[in-house]
Protein backbone atom coordinates (compact mmCIF):
# COMPACT_ATOMS: atom_id res chain seq x y z
CA MET A 1 0.00 0.00 0.00
CA THR A 2 1.23 3.47 -0.87
CA ALA A 3 0.49 6.48 1.31
CA GLU A 4 -0.57 9.77 -0.24
CA LEU A 5 -1.41 13.21 1.11
CA ASP A 6 -4.91 14.58 1.41
CA ASP A 7 -5.91 18.23 1.00
CA THR A 8 -4.68 19.03 4.51
CA SER A 9 -1.29 17.31 3.94
CA ALA A 10 -2.25 14.43 6.25
CA PRO A 11 -1.19 10.96 5.03
CA TRP A 12 -3.75 8.37 4.02
CA ILE A 13 -3.91 5.16 1.97
CA PRO A 14 -6.33 5.22 -0.98
CA ARG A 15 -8.50 2.12 -1.35
CA LEU A 16 -9.87 0.77 -4.61
CA GLY A 17 -13.62 1.13 -4.38
CA GLY A 18 -13.49 3.96 -1.86
CA ARG A 19 -13.83 4.06 1.89
CA ALA A 20 -15.16 0.96 3.62
CA PRO A 21 -16.73 0.60 7.09
CA LEU A 22 -14.82 -0.92 9.98
CA GLY A 23 -15.44 -4.45 11.19
CA ALA A 24 -18.15 -4.91 13.79
CA GLY A 25 -15.77 -5.26 16.75
CA LEU A 26 -13.67 -2.16 16.15
CA ASP A 27 -16.66 -0.15 14.98
CA GLN A 28 -18.25 -0.91 18.35
CA THR A 29 -15.06 0.23 20.09
CA ALA A 30 -15.07 3.49 18.16
CA ARG A 31 -18.74 4.09 19.05
CA THR A 32 -18.75 3.07 22.71
CA GLY A 33 -15.15 3.19 23.93
CA ARG A 34 -15.34 -0.43 25.09
CA TRP A 35 -12.84 -2.94 23.71
CA ASP A 36 -11.93 -6.60 23.81
CA ARG A 37 -9.38 -6.74 26.62
CA SER A 38 -8.22 -10.19 25.55
CA ARG A 39 -6.91 -8.63 22.31
CA TYR A 40 -5.96 -5.10 23.36
CA PRO A 41 -4.34 -4.71 26.79
CA ASP A 42 -5.08 -1.01 27.26
CA ARG A 43 -6.90 1.94 25.75
CA SER A 44 -3.82 3.02 23.80
CA ALA A 45 -3.72 -0.31 21.95
CA ALA A 46 -7.48 -0.19 21.39
CA ARG A 47 -7.50 3.24 19.79
CA MET A 48 -4.48 2.37 17.62
CA ALA A 49 -6.38 -0.70 16.41
CA VAL A 50 -9.32 1.52 15.44
CA LEU A 51 -7.07 4.00 13.62
CA ALA A 52 -5.13 1.25 11.81
CA ALA A 53 -8.39 -0.37 10.69
CA ALA A 54 -9.66 2.98 9.42
CA ALA A 55 -6.42 3.65 7.55
CA ALA A 56 -6.55 0.21 5.92
CA ARG A 57 -10.10 0.83 4.76
CA GLY A 58 -9.38 4.06 2.93
CA TRP A 59 -10.33 6.55 5.62
CA GLN A 60 -8.68 9.94 5.85
CA LEU A 61 -7.85 11.84 9.02
CA ALA A 62 -10.65 14.28 8.19
CA ASP A 63 -13.10 11.35 8.06
CA VAL A 64 -12.06 10.26 11.54
CA ARG A 65 -12.43 13.79 12.90
CA ALA A 66 -15.85 14.07 11.26
CA ALA A 67 -17.00 10.77 12.78
CA VAL A 68 -15.89 11.93 16.22
CA GLY A 69 -17.35 15.40 15.73
CA SER A 70 -20.76 14.01 14.72
CA GLY A 71 -20.88 11.84 17.83
CA ALA A 72 -20.85 8.58 15.88
CA TRP A 73 -17.37 7.77 17.19
CA ARG A 74 -17.66 9.39 20.60
CA GLY A 75 -16.12 6.25 22.09
CA LEU A 76 -12.84 6.88 20.27
CA ALA A 77 -12.65 10.35 21.80
CA ARG A 78 -13.21 8.81 25.24
CA LEU A 79 -10.18 6.59 24.75
CA TYR A 80 -8.06 9.75 24.64
CA GLU A 81 -9.64 11.47 27.64
CA ARG A 82 -7.50 12.29 30.64
CA SER A 83 -8.70 14.83 33.21
CA SER A 84 -5.20 16.24 33.72
CA GLU A 85 -4.66 16.79 29.98
CA PRO A 86 -7.46 18.79 28.34
CA GLY A 87 -7.33 18.78 24.54
CA ARG A 88 -5.41 15.51 24.48
CA PHE A 89 -7.47 14.12 21.59
CA ASP A 90 -6.70 17.04 19.28
CA ARG A 91 -3.00 16.93 20.14
CA LEU A 92 -2.41 13.18 19.87
CA LEU A 93 -4.70 12.17 17.02
CA PRO A 94 -2.45 13.48 14.18
CA TYR A 95 0.59 11.65 15.59
CA GLU A 96 -1.24 8.38 16.14
CA TRP A 97 -2.94 8.61 12.74
CA ARG A 98 0.44 9.00 11.05
CA LYS A 99 1.77 6.05 13.04
CA ALA A 100 -1.24 3.95 11.97
CA VAL A 101 -0.73 4.84 8.30
CA VAL A 102 2.94 3.85 8.53
CA PHE A 103 1.98 0.53 10.12
CA VAL A 104 -0.71 -0.26 7.56
CA GLY A 105 1.54 0.81 4.70
CA GLY A 106 4.01 -1.89 5.69
CA GLU A 107 7.04 0.31 6.34
CA LYS A 108 9.96 -1.90 7.30
CA ASN A 109 11.55 0.35 9.90
CA VAL A 110 8.68 1.37 12.16
CA ARG A 111 10.18 1.77 15.61
CA ASP A 112 9.44 -0.65 18.42
CA TRP A 113 9.52 2.36 20.83
CA LEU A 114 11.85 0.56 23.24
CA THR A 115 14.93 2.63 24.01
CA SER A 116 17.10 -0.41 23.42
CA VAL A 117 15.95 -0.72 19.82
CA SER A 118 17.84 1.19 17.16
CA ASN A 119 17.67 1.21 13.39
CA SER A 120 20.70 1.73 11.20
CA ARG A 121 18.80 3.88 8.74
CA PRO A 122 16.32 6.75 9.23
CA PRO A 123 12.59 6.05 9.18
CA ALA A 124 10.88 6.05 5.82
CA ALA A 125 9.09 9.26 4.92
CA ILE A 126 5.40 9.17 4.16
CA ASP A 127 4.48 12.84 4.13
CA GLY A 128 7.15 14.46 1.99
CA ALA A 129 9.46 15.24 4.91
CA ASP A 130 11.57 12.65 6.66
CA GLU A 131 11.53 12.18 10.39
CA PHE A 132 14.73 14.15 10.82
CA GLY A 133 13.16 17.06 8.98
CA LEU A 134 10.24 16.98 11.42
CA ILE A 135 12.64 17.01 14.34
CA ARG A 136 14.49 20.02 12.93
CA GLN A 137 11.17 21.79 12.43
CA TRP A 138 10.43 21.15 16.08
CA MET A 139 13.80 22.61 17.04
CA THR A 140 12.87 25.69 15.05
CA GLY A 141 9.65 25.75 17.04
CA THR A 142 11.65 25.71 20.28
CA ALA A 143 13.61 28.71 19.01
CA CYS A 144 10.29 30.49 18.41
CA ALA A 145 9.21 29.56 21.94
CA VAL A 146 12.40 31.01 23.43
CA ALA A 147 11.70 34.25 21.57
CA ASP A 148 8.07 34.37 22.75
CA PRO A 149 7.86 36.80 25.72
CA GLU A 150 4.56 35.36 26.97
CA ARG A 151 5.86 31.78 27.09
CA VAL A 152 9.19 32.79 28.58
CA SER A 153 7.40 34.80 31.27
CA ARG A 154 5.56 31.61 32.27
CA TRP A 155 8.89 29.79 32.49
CA GLY A 156 10.28 32.54 34.69
CA ARG A 157 13.64 31.80 36.25
CA ARG A 158 13.49 28.30 34.82
CA ALA A 159 13.82 29.59 31.23
CA VAL A 160 17.54 28.79 30.89
CA ALA A 161 17.04 25.30 32.31
CA VAL A 162 14.11 24.74 29.92
CA ARG A 163 16.33 25.66 26.96
CA GLN A 164 18.93 23.16 28.12
CA LEU A 165 16.32 20.43 28.49
CA LEU A 166 14.74 21.14 25.07
CA ALA A 167 18.18 20.93 23.46
CA ALA A 168 18.74 17.53 25.11
CA ILE A 169 15.33 16.30 23.94
CA GLY A 170 16.13 17.44 20.40
CA GLN A 171 19.39 15.52 20.51
CA ALA A 172 17.59 12.42 21.85
CA ALA A 173 15.09 12.62 18.99
CA MET A 174 17.86 12.85 16.39
CA VAL A 175 19.68 9.88 17.92
CA SER A 176 16.52 7.75 17.99
CA GLY A 177 15.44 8.93 14.53
CA SER A 178 11.88 9.52 15.69
CA ALA A 179 9.66 12.44 16.72
CA VAL A 180 8.12 10.15 19.37
CA LEU A 181 10.66 9.08 21.94
CA GLU A 182 11.09 7.38 25.28
CA PHE A 183 14.15 8.51 27.21
CA GLY A 184 14.43 8.55 30.98
CA THR A 185 15.06 11.59 33.13
CA ARG A 186 18.51 10.30 34.05
CA ASN A 187 19.73 10.37 30.45
CA LEU A 188 18.07 13.71 29.77
CA ALA A 189 19.74 15.08 32.91
CA LEU A 190 23.15 13.92 31.71
CA HIS A 191 22.78 15.64 28.34
CA SER A 192 21.14 18.80 29.62
CA GLY A 193 23.52 19.59 32.48
CA LEU A 194 20.60 19.53 34.95
CA SER A 195 19.77 17.35 37.92
CA GLN A 196 17.38 14.44 37.48
CA ARG A 197 14.89 16.06 39.84
CA THR A 198 14.99 19.33 37.90
CA VAL A 199 14.37 17.46 34.64
CA SER A 200 11.32 15.74 36.15
CA ARG A 201 9.87 19.04 37.34
CA LEU A 202 10.50 20.80 34.04
CA LEU A 203 8.92 17.97 32.04
CA ALA A 204 5.79 18.17 34.22
CA MET A 205 5.64 21.91 33.55
CA LEU A 206 6.11 21.50 29.79
CA TYR A 207 3.42 18.80 29.63
CA ALA A 208 0.91 21.11 31.36
CA GLU A 209 1.56 24.16 29.18
CA PRO A 210 -1.18 25.49 26.92
CA ASP A 211 -0.24 24.85 23.26
CA PRO A 212 2.70 22.69 24.45
CA LEU A 213 5.96 21.70 22.81
CA LEU A 214 5.62 18.13 24.12
CA ASP A 215 2.70 15.70 24.16
CA VAL A 216 2.52 12.73 26.51
CA VAL A 217 1.64 9.65 24.48
CA THR A 218 2.01 7.14 27.33
CA ARG A 219 2.85 7.75 30.96
CA GLY A 220 5.87 5.87 32.27
CA ARG A 221 5.40 2.85 34.51
CA MET A 222 8.02 1.22 36.73
CA ALA A 223 11.24 1.10 34.67
CA ARG A 224 9.63 2.59 31.55
CA ALA A 225 9.96 6.31 30.88
CA ASP A 226 7.23 8.57 29.59
CA ARG A 227 6.71 8.24 25.84
CA ILE A 228 6.50 11.76 24.46
CA ALA A 229 5.80 13.24 21.04
CA LEU A 230 7.43 16.40 19.75
CA ARG A 231 4.78 18.96 18.92
CA ILE A 232 5.02 22.27 17.07
CA PRO A 233 2.74 24.72 18.90
CA ASP A 234 -0.05 26.16 16.80
CA ALA A 235 1.17 29.67 17.60
CA TYR A 236 4.48 28.99 15.81
CA ALA A 237 3.28 26.76 12.96
CA GLU A 238 3.43 29.54 10.38
CA SER A 239 6.84 30.80 11.53
CA VAL A 240 8.31 27.30 11.38
CA ARG A 241 7.38 27.05 7.69
CA TRP A 242 9.50 30.01 6.61
CA ARG A 243 12.10 30.37 9.36
CA ARG A 244 15.40 28.78 8.39
CA ARG A 245 17.57 26.91 10.82
CA ARG A 246 21.35 26.78 10.52
CA ALA A 247 22.58 23.45 9.24
CA GLY A 248 24.50 21.15 11.56
CA ARG A 249 24.00 18.52 14.24
CA ILE A 250 21.70 19.02 17.20
CA ASP A 251 23.51 18.64 20.50
CA GLY A 252 22.54 18.89 24.12
CA ILE A 253 24.78 20.33 26.82
CA HIS A 254 28.24 18.79 26.98
CA PRO A 255 28.73 17.09 30.38
CA ALA A 256 31.91 19.16 30.86
CA SER A 257 29.70 22.26 30.98
CA CYS A 258 27.82 21.08 34.05
CA SER A 259 30.24 22.78 36.43
CA LEU A 260 30.17 25.93 34.31
CA VAL A 261 26.37 26.09 34.29
CA ALA A 262 26.38 25.77 38.06
CA GLN A 263 28.49 28.93 38.47
CA PRO A 264 26.55 32.18 39.04
CA GLY A 265 26.69 34.54 36.10
CA SER A 266 27.90 31.90 33.67
CA SER A 267 26.12 30.95 30.47
CA THR A 268 26.28 28.14 27.97
CA ARG A 269 26.01 28.72 24.24
CA TYR A 270 24.33 26.26 21.90
CA SER A 271 26.39 25.38 18.87
CA THR A 272 26.08 23.14 15.84
CA ALA A 273 29.84 22.85 15.47
CA PRO A 274 31.62 19.50 16.00
CA ARG A 275 32.44 18.67 19.60
CA PRO A 276 34.27 15.99 21.58
CA ALA A 277 32.58 12.63 22.02
CA VAL A 278 30.10 12.31 24.89
CA PRO A 279 28.51 9.25 26.50
CA ARG A 280 26.17 7.58 24.05
CA TRP A 281 22.41 7.47 24.37
CA PRO A 282 21.01 4.02 25.09
CA GLY A 283 20.73 2.01 21.92
CA ARG A 284 22.96 4.26 19.82
CA ARG A 285 25.21 2.48 17.35
CA GLY A 286 28.47 3.48 15.81
């Protein structure tokens, strides 16, 4: 199956004969929010099954939104609901739809999402821009956020630390080759020059922001870290399209800078120039 772009630039898979209805089981899940727990262990798996079935049957993202908006698929919207994260459906649906299209399209290098899994080549593009391009667009979005007085005022004295953490997240995304990643606070702390506790607090703040830079796909449990998706805030979407970013690699804070950052009055500059080797991210090869 070959993915194409619809009028809104969202990927979809055309089907000979047009769009077809879902099977009875998944259609019931989409309508009621109840699923077969012997097949799908949690609500995340259930909603991905619905989206994958829709993608395989020639649906477009706009069709899914329309079904939810009309109330026919109110159950699918319920599978996204979380009281602590208003607007979660609107933020996560585009990412999960794209993931479903990639799965249905039979791409060979869809990530397993475990931090120990690494692919030797970048993910296949399905929307005209490869995954690394999406990550660089997100980094441009972070630059827009840093220049936004309203957002920076909400960050307050934590603004410098937030910049360090966002740089580390950008580096983690480039290493994993995916805009959806799962890296623990310990590794992010190492590559941001911050303490693990500070990273945890900053992530909680970034998750709760209006029009956030990060979306929580799955909350971490036990040894598993939060799975997060990079998100370009709506407020910066237009700027990201025309604003150019300097070429070069995306790096976090060099561990040698930790002592420098800790000194009052000191600052750390972000650079795309080559630098000495640093400890590798989990799962990185070469």
